[in-house]
C-alpha atoms as a PDB file:
ATOM      1  CA  MET A   1     -15.857 -16.663  49.270  1.00  0.00           C
ATOM      2  CA  LEU A   2     -18.792 -14.561  48.122  1.00  0.00           C
ATOM      3  CA  LYS A   3     -17.678 -11.660  50.321  1.00  0.00           C
ATOM      4  CA  SER A   4     -14.182 -11.606  48.805  1.00  0.00           C
ATOM      5  CA  LEU A   5     -15.683 -11.697  45.298  1.00  0.00           C
ATOM      6  CA  ASN A   6     -17.895  -8.700  46.137  1.00  0.00           C
ATOM      7  CA  MET A   7     -14.891  -6.815  47.536  1.00  0.00           C
ATOM      8  CA  HIS A   8     -12.949  -7.544  44.363  1.00  0.00           C
ATOM      9  CA  ILE A   9     -15.795  -6.215  42.184  1.00  0.00           C
ATOM     10  CA  TYR A  10     -16.164  -3.169  44.442  1.00  0.00           C
ATOM     11  CA  PHE A  11     -12.433  -2.521  44.201  1.00  0.00           C
ATOM     12  CA  ARG A  12     -12.383  -2.786  40.386  1.00  0.00           C
ATOM     13  CA  ARG A  13     -15.487  -0.644  39.804  1.00  0.00           C
ATOM     14  CA  ILE A  14     -15.031   2.082  42.416  1.00  0.00           C
ATOM     15  CA  VAL A  15     -11.521   2.323  43.807  1.00  0.00           C
ATOM     16  CA  VAL A  16      -9.505   1.890  40.577  1.00  0.00           C
ATOM     17  CA  PRO A  17     -11.367   4.640  38.627  1.00  0.00           C
ATOM     18  CA  LEU A  18     -11.124   7.014  41.607  1.00  0.00           C
ATOM     19  CA  CYS A  19      -7.377   6.428  41.861  1.00  0.00           C
ATOM     20  CA  PHE A  20      -7.065   6.986  38.110  1.00  0.00           C
ATOM     21  CA  LEU A  21      -8.945  10.301  38.340  1.00  0.00           C
ATOM     22  CA  MET A  22      -6.760  11.464  41.233  1.00  0.00           C
ATOM     23  CA  VAL A  23      -3.580  10.634  39.298  1.00  0.00           C
ATOM     24  CA  ILE A  24      -4.830  12.408  36.157  1.00  0.00           C
ATOM     25  CA  SER A  25      -5.840  15.525  38.059  1.00  0.00           C
ATOM     26  CA  SER A  26      -2.513  15.770  39.856  1.00  0.00           C
ATOM     27  CA  CYS A  27      -0.298  15.343  36.785  1.00  0.00           C
ATOM     28  CA  GLY A  28      -1.047  18.773  35.337  1.00  0.00           C
ATOM     29  CA  PHE A  29      -3.258  17.436  32.561  1.00  0.00           C
ATOM     30  CA  GLU A  30      -5.049  20.269  30.798  1.00  0.00           C
ATOM     31  CA  PRO A  31      -7.365  19.948  27.780  1.00  0.00           C
ATOM     32  CA  VAL A  32      -5.890  21.407  24.589  1.00  0.00           C
ATOM     33  CA  TYR A  33      -9.171  22.836  23.315  1.00  0.00           C
ATOM     34  CA  LYS A  34     -10.022  24.578  26.582  1.00  0.00           C
ATOM     35  CA  THR A  35     -10.776  28.253  26.129  1.00  0.00           C
ATOM     36  CA  ASN A  36      -9.107  30.877  28.238  1.00  0.00           C
ATOM     37  CA  PRO A  37     -10.897  31.212  31.584  1.00  0.00           C
ATOM     38  CA  SER A  38     -11.305  34.971  31.248  1.00  0.00           C
ATOM     39  CA  PRO A  39     -14.791  35.660  29.804  1.00  0.00           C
ATOM     40  CA  ASN A  40     -13.657  38.789  27.940  1.00  0.00           C
ATOM     41  CA  SER A  41     -10.539  37.201  26.431  1.00  0.00           C
ATOM     42  CA  GLU A  42     -10.634  36.327  22.737  1.00  0.00           C
ATOM     43  CA  ALA A  43      -7.393  34.369  22.970  1.00  0.00           C
ATOM     44  CA  SER A  44      -9.040  30.973  22.780  1.00  0.00           C
ATOM     45  CA  LEU A  45      -7.369  28.401  20.592  1.00  0.00           C
ATOM     46  CA  LYS A  46     -10.105  28.504  17.965  1.00  0.00           C
ATOM     47  CA  VAL A  47      -9.808  32.265  17.612  1.00  0.00           C
ATOM     48  CA  LEU A  48      -6.006  32.058  17.348  1.00  0.00           C
ATOM     49  CA  LEU A  49      -6.206  29.407  14.644  1.00  0.00           C
ATOM     50  CA  GLY A  50      -8.807  31.477  12.807  1.00  0.00           C
ATOM     51  CA  GLN A  51      -6.333  34.374  12.699  1.00  0.00           C
ATOM     52  CA  ILE A  52      -3.976  32.408  10.421  1.00  0.00           C
ATOM     53  CA  ASN A  53      -3.890  33.389   6.760  1.00  0.00           C
ATOM     54  CA  ILE A  54      -2.789  30.441   4.632  1.00  0.00           C
ATOM     55  CA  SER A  55      -0.813  31.626   1.638  1.00  0.00           C
ATOM     56  CA  ILE A  56      -1.261  30.101  -1.811  1.00  0.00           C
ATOM     57  CA  ILE A  57       0.635  26.809  -2.193  1.00  0.00           C
ATOM     58  CA  SER A  58       1.744  25.830  -5.697  1.00  0.00           C
ATOM     59  CA  GLY A  59       0.579  22.694  -7.466  1.00  0.00           C
ATOM     60  CA  ARG A  60      -2.477  20.459  -7.277  1.00  0.00           C
ATOM     61  CA  VAL A  61      -1.398  18.908  -3.992  1.00  0.00           C
ATOM     62  CA  GLY A  62      -0.719  22.375  -2.580  1.00  0.00           C
ATOM     63  CA  HIS A  63      -4.189  23.526  -3.589  1.00  0.00           C
ATOM     64  CA  LYS A  64      -5.763  20.508  -1.878  1.00  0.00           C
ATOM     65  CA  LEU A  65      -3.632  20.994   1.251  1.00  0.00           C
ATOM     66  CA  ARG A  66      -4.557  24.676   1.460  1.00  0.00           C
ATOM     67  CA  ASN A  67      -8.281  23.877   1.202  1.00  0.00           C
ATOM     68  CA  TYR A  68      -8.016  21.220   3.914  1.00  0.00           C
ATOM     69  CA  LEU A  69      -6.113  23.628   6.180  1.00  0.00           C
ATOM     70  CA  ILE A  70      -8.654  26.402   5.656  1.00  0.00           C
ATOM     71  CA  HIS A  71     -11.368  23.966   6.691  1.00  0.00           C
ATOM     72  CA  ASP A  72      -9.416  22.538   9.668  1.00  0.00           C
ATOM     73  CA  LEU A  73      -8.190  25.850  11.056  1.00  0.00           C
ATOM     74  CA  GLY A  74     -11.287  27.878  10.261  1.00  0.00           C
ATOM     75  CA  SER A  75      -9.111  30.591   8.783  1.00  0.00           C
ATOM     76  CA  ASN A  76      -9.355  32.800   5.683  1.00  0.00           C
ATOM     77  CA  SER A  77     -12.982  33.372   6.646  1.00  0.00           C
ATOM     78  CA  GLY A  78     -13.408  36.981   5.603  1.00  0.00           C
ATOM     79  CA  ILE A  79     -11.001  38.529   8.109  1.00  0.00           C
ATOM     80  CA  LYS A  80      -9.145  41.375   6.434  1.00  0.00           C
ATOM     81  CA  ASN A  81      -6.127  41.738   8.746  1.00  0.00           C
ATOM     82  CA  HIS A  82      -4.907  38.334   9.880  1.00  0.00           C
ATOM     83  CA  GLN A  83      -2.539  38.235  12.813  1.00  0.00           C
ATOM     84  CA  TYR A  84      -0.522  35.322  11.394  1.00  0.00           C
ATOM     85  CA  ASN A  85       0.599  34.213   7.960  1.00  0.00           C
ATOM     86  CA  LEU A  86       1.377  30.560   7.208  1.00  0.00           C
ATOM     87  CA  LEU A  87       3.848  29.911   4.392  1.00  0.00           C
ATOM     88  CA  ILE A  88       4.105  26.303   3.218  1.00  0.00           C
ATOM     89  CA  LYS A  89       6.450  24.611   0.767  1.00  0.00           C
ATOM     90  CA  ILE A  90       5.629  21.050  -0.329  1.00  0.00           C
ATOM     91  CA  GLU A  91       7.981  18.443  -1.746  1.00  0.00           C
ATOM     92  CA  THR A  92       6.504  15.327  -3.345  1.00  0.00           C
ATOM     93  CA  ASP A  93       8.364  12.121  -3.989  1.00  0.00           C
ATOM     94  CA  LYS A  94       7.082   8.951  -5.619  1.00  0.00           C
ATOM     95  CA  SER A  95       9.092   5.824  -4.828  1.00  0.00           C
ATOM     96  CA  PRO A  96       8.480   2.214  -5.872  1.00  0.00           C
ATOM     97  CA  LEU A  97       7.243  -0.004  -3.071  1.00  0.00           C
ATOM     98  CA  LEU A  98       6.589  -3.391  -4.714  1.00  0.00           C
ATOM     99  CA  ILE A  99       8.598  -4.614  -7.685  1.00  0.00           C
ATOM    100  CA  GLN A 100       7.559  -7.822  -9.429  1.00  0.00           C
ATOM    101  CA  ASP A 101       9.878 -10.489 -10.833  1.00  0.00           C
ATOM    102  CA  ASP A 102       9.706  -8.923 -14.308  1.00  0.00           C
ATOM    103  CA  ASP A 103      10.911  -5.554 -12.896  1.00  0.00           C
ATOM    104  CA  LYS A 104       7.477  -3.933 -13.183  1.00  0.00           C
ATOM    105  CA  VAL A 105       6.447  -1.730 -10.294  1.00  0.00           C
ATOM    106  CA  SER A 106       3.056  -2.724  -8.895  1.00  0.00           C
ATOM    107  CA  ARG A 107       2.810  -0.275  -5.967  1.00  0.00           C
ATOM    108  CA  TYR A 108       4.192   3.189  -5.233  1.00  0.00           C
ATOM    109  CA  ASN A 109       4.574   5.259  -2.094  1.00  0.00           C
ATOM    110  CA  LEU A 110       3.763   8.948  -2.451  1.00  0.00           C
ATOM    111  CA  ASN A 111       5.676  11.004   0.134  1.00  0.00           C
ATOM    112  CA  LEU A 112       4.564  14.549   0.937  1.00  0.00           C
ATOM    113  CA  ILE A 113       6.893  16.689   3.026  1.00  0.00           C
ATOM    114  CA  ALA A 114       5.747  20.149   4.071  1.00  0.00           C
ATOM    115  CA  THR A 115       8.075  22.775   5.460  1.00  0.00           C
ATOM    116  CA  PHE A 116       6.092  25.588   6.995  1.00  0.00           C
ATOM    117  CA  VAL A 117       6.724  28.903   8.698  1.00  0.00           C
ATOM    118  CA  LEU A 118       4.271  30.836  10.868  1.00  0.00           C
ATOM    119  CA  ILE A 119       4.855  34.583  10.754  1.00  0.00           C
ATOM    120  CA  ASP A 120       3.381  37.173  13.107  1.00  0.00           C
ATOM    121  CA  THR A 121       2.260  39.860  10.643  1.00  0.00           C
ATOM    122  CA  HIS A 122       2.196  42.645  13.251  1.00  0.00           C
ATOM    123  CA  LYS A 123       5.740  42.037  14.509  1.00  0.00           C
ATOM    124  CA  LYS A 124       6.945  40.870  11.075  1.00  0.00           C
ATOM    125  CA  SER A 125       8.859  37.989  12.611  1.00  0.00           C
ATOM    126  CA  THR A 126       8.884  34.215  12.358  1.00  0.00           C
ATOM    127  CA  ILE A 127       7.392  32.672  15.483  1.00  0.00           C
ATOM    128  CA  TYR A 128       7.285  28.989  14.517  1.00  0.00           C
ATOM    129  CA  GLU A 129       8.934  26.699  11.958  1.00  0.00           C
ATOM    130  CA  ALA A 130       8.337  22.990  11.494  1.00  0.00           C
ATOM    131  CA  HIS A 131       8.155  20.062   9.095  1.00  0.00           C
ATOM    132  CA  ALA A 132       5.276  17.662   8.558  1.00  0.00           C
ATOM    133  CA  ARG A 133       5.218  14.464   6.557  1.00  0.00           C
ATOM    134  CA  SER A 134       2.601  12.165   5.114  1.00  0.00           C
ATOM    135  CA  VAL A 135       2.767   8.998   3.047  1.00  0.00           C
ATOM    136  CA  GLY A 136       0.124   7.635   0.707  1.00  0.00           C
ATOM    137  CA  SER A 137       0.382   4.599  -1.517  1.00  0.00           C
ATOM    138  CA  PHE A 138      -1.357   3.367  -4.643  1.00  0.00           C
ATOM    139  CA  ASN A 139      -1.388   0.312  -6.883  1.00  0.00           C
ATOM    140  CA  VAL A 140      -0.355   0.255 -10.525  1.00  0.00           C
ATOM    141  CA  VAL A 141      -2.859  -1.674 -12.636  1.00  0.00           C
ATOM    142  CA  SER A 142      -3.159  -2.454 -16.341  1.00  0.00           C
ATOM    143  CA  SER A 143      -5.472   0.513 -16.965  1.00  0.00           C
ATOM    144  CA  GLU A 144      -3.575   3.811 -17.122  1.00  0.00           C
ATOM    145  CA  PHE A 145      -6.701   5.743 -16.184  1.00  0.00           C
ATOM    146  CA  ALA A 146      -7.298   3.586 -13.096  1.00  0.00           C
ATOM    147  CA  THR A 147      -3.663   4.029 -12.073  1.00  0.00           C
ATOM    148  CA  LEU A 148      -3.927   7.808 -12.523  1.00  0.00           C
ATOM    149  CA  MET A 149      -7.112   7.923 -10.433  1.00  0.00           C
ATOM    150  CA  ALA A 150      -5.473   5.781  -7.738  1.00  0.00           C
ATOM    151  CA  GLU A 151      -2.505   8.178  -7.668  1.00  0.00           C
ATOM    152  CA  LYS A 152      -4.787  11.219  -7.338  1.00  0.00           C
ATOM    153  CA  ASP A 153      -6.708   9.483  -4.554  1.00  0.00           C
ATOM    154  CA  ALA A 154      -3.410   8.794  -2.765  1.00  0.00           C
ATOM    155  CA  GLU A 155      -2.514  12.493  -3.165  1.00  0.00           C
ATOM    156  CA  ASN A 156      -5.861  13.492  -1.636  1.00  0.00           C
ATOM    157  CA  ARG A 157      -5.471  11.117   1.319  1.00  0.00           C
ATOM    158  CA  ALA A 158      -1.874  12.183   1.930  1.00  0.00           C
ATOM    159  CA  SER A 159      -2.872  15.878   1.699  1.00  0.00           C
ATOM    160  CA  ARG A 160      -5.648  15.287   4.234  1.00  0.00           C
ATOM    161  CA  GLU A 161      -3.231  13.577   6.638  1.00  0.00           C
ATOM    162  CA  LEU A 162      -0.662  16.331   6.122  1.00  0.00           C
ATOM    163  CA  SER A 163      -3.286  18.950   6.932  1.00  0.00           C
ATOM    164  CA  ALA A 164      -4.204  17.108  10.129  1.00  0.00           C
ATOM    165  CA  GLU A 165      -0.545  16.912  11.163  1.00  0.00           C
ATOM    166  CA  ILE A 166       0.074  20.621  10.496  1.00  0.00           C
ATOM    167  CA  ASN A 167      -3.115  21.422  12.417  1.00  0.00           C
ATOM    168  CA  SER A 168      -1.885  19.335  15.376  1.00  0.00           C
ATOM    169  CA  LEU A 169       1.523  21.010  15.342  1.00  0.00           C
ATOM    170  CA  LEU A 170      -0.076  24.477  15.315  1.00  0.00           C
ATOM    171  CA  ILE A 171      -2.418  23.511  18.160  1.00  0.00           C
ATOM    172  CA  ALA A 172       0.551  22.268  20.180  1.00  0.00           C
ATOM    173  CA  PHE A 173       2.425  25.517  19.466  1.00  0.00           C
ATOM    174  CA  PHE A 174      -0.452  27.772  20.514  1.00  0.00           C
ATOM    175  CA  SER A 175      -1.198  25.621  23.580  1.00  0.00           C
ATOM    176  CA  ARG A 176       2.208  26.390  25.106  1.00  0.00           C
END
């Protein structure tokens, strides 16, 4: 009985992880943030993302999104001739989420939809187009100021999420 229990523990601690590692290594798994193996190559993912110039985006939400993207991508950092230009158009939509019995709205959803285009500035051609979406919500309270602050906080959170989604889409594009 004790021997079979020891074999079971041995199997769970040693054999299962080894099988898992063999399956992972054979499936073609490759880390996204891996740099190019050539030591002289500057085509690593971080360098490519840093070569993206993020154009001005209109509105308060656009300003926030642009700042988050500059931080996430590490771009617009003093490089004079960027290889890529990112053009973004944002649509915002506020829709009621919770309506009380007296027809007062007590919660809103704030939808941000970004349509973006990545342009290769040297070839002057579009190389990638995509959409990203983020949703934030906020409560409506009796104080107008508190409601306004809650709405701005929802805009900030949704802008942050939208930036992360655009960043992920660009990483996936450059990883191919």
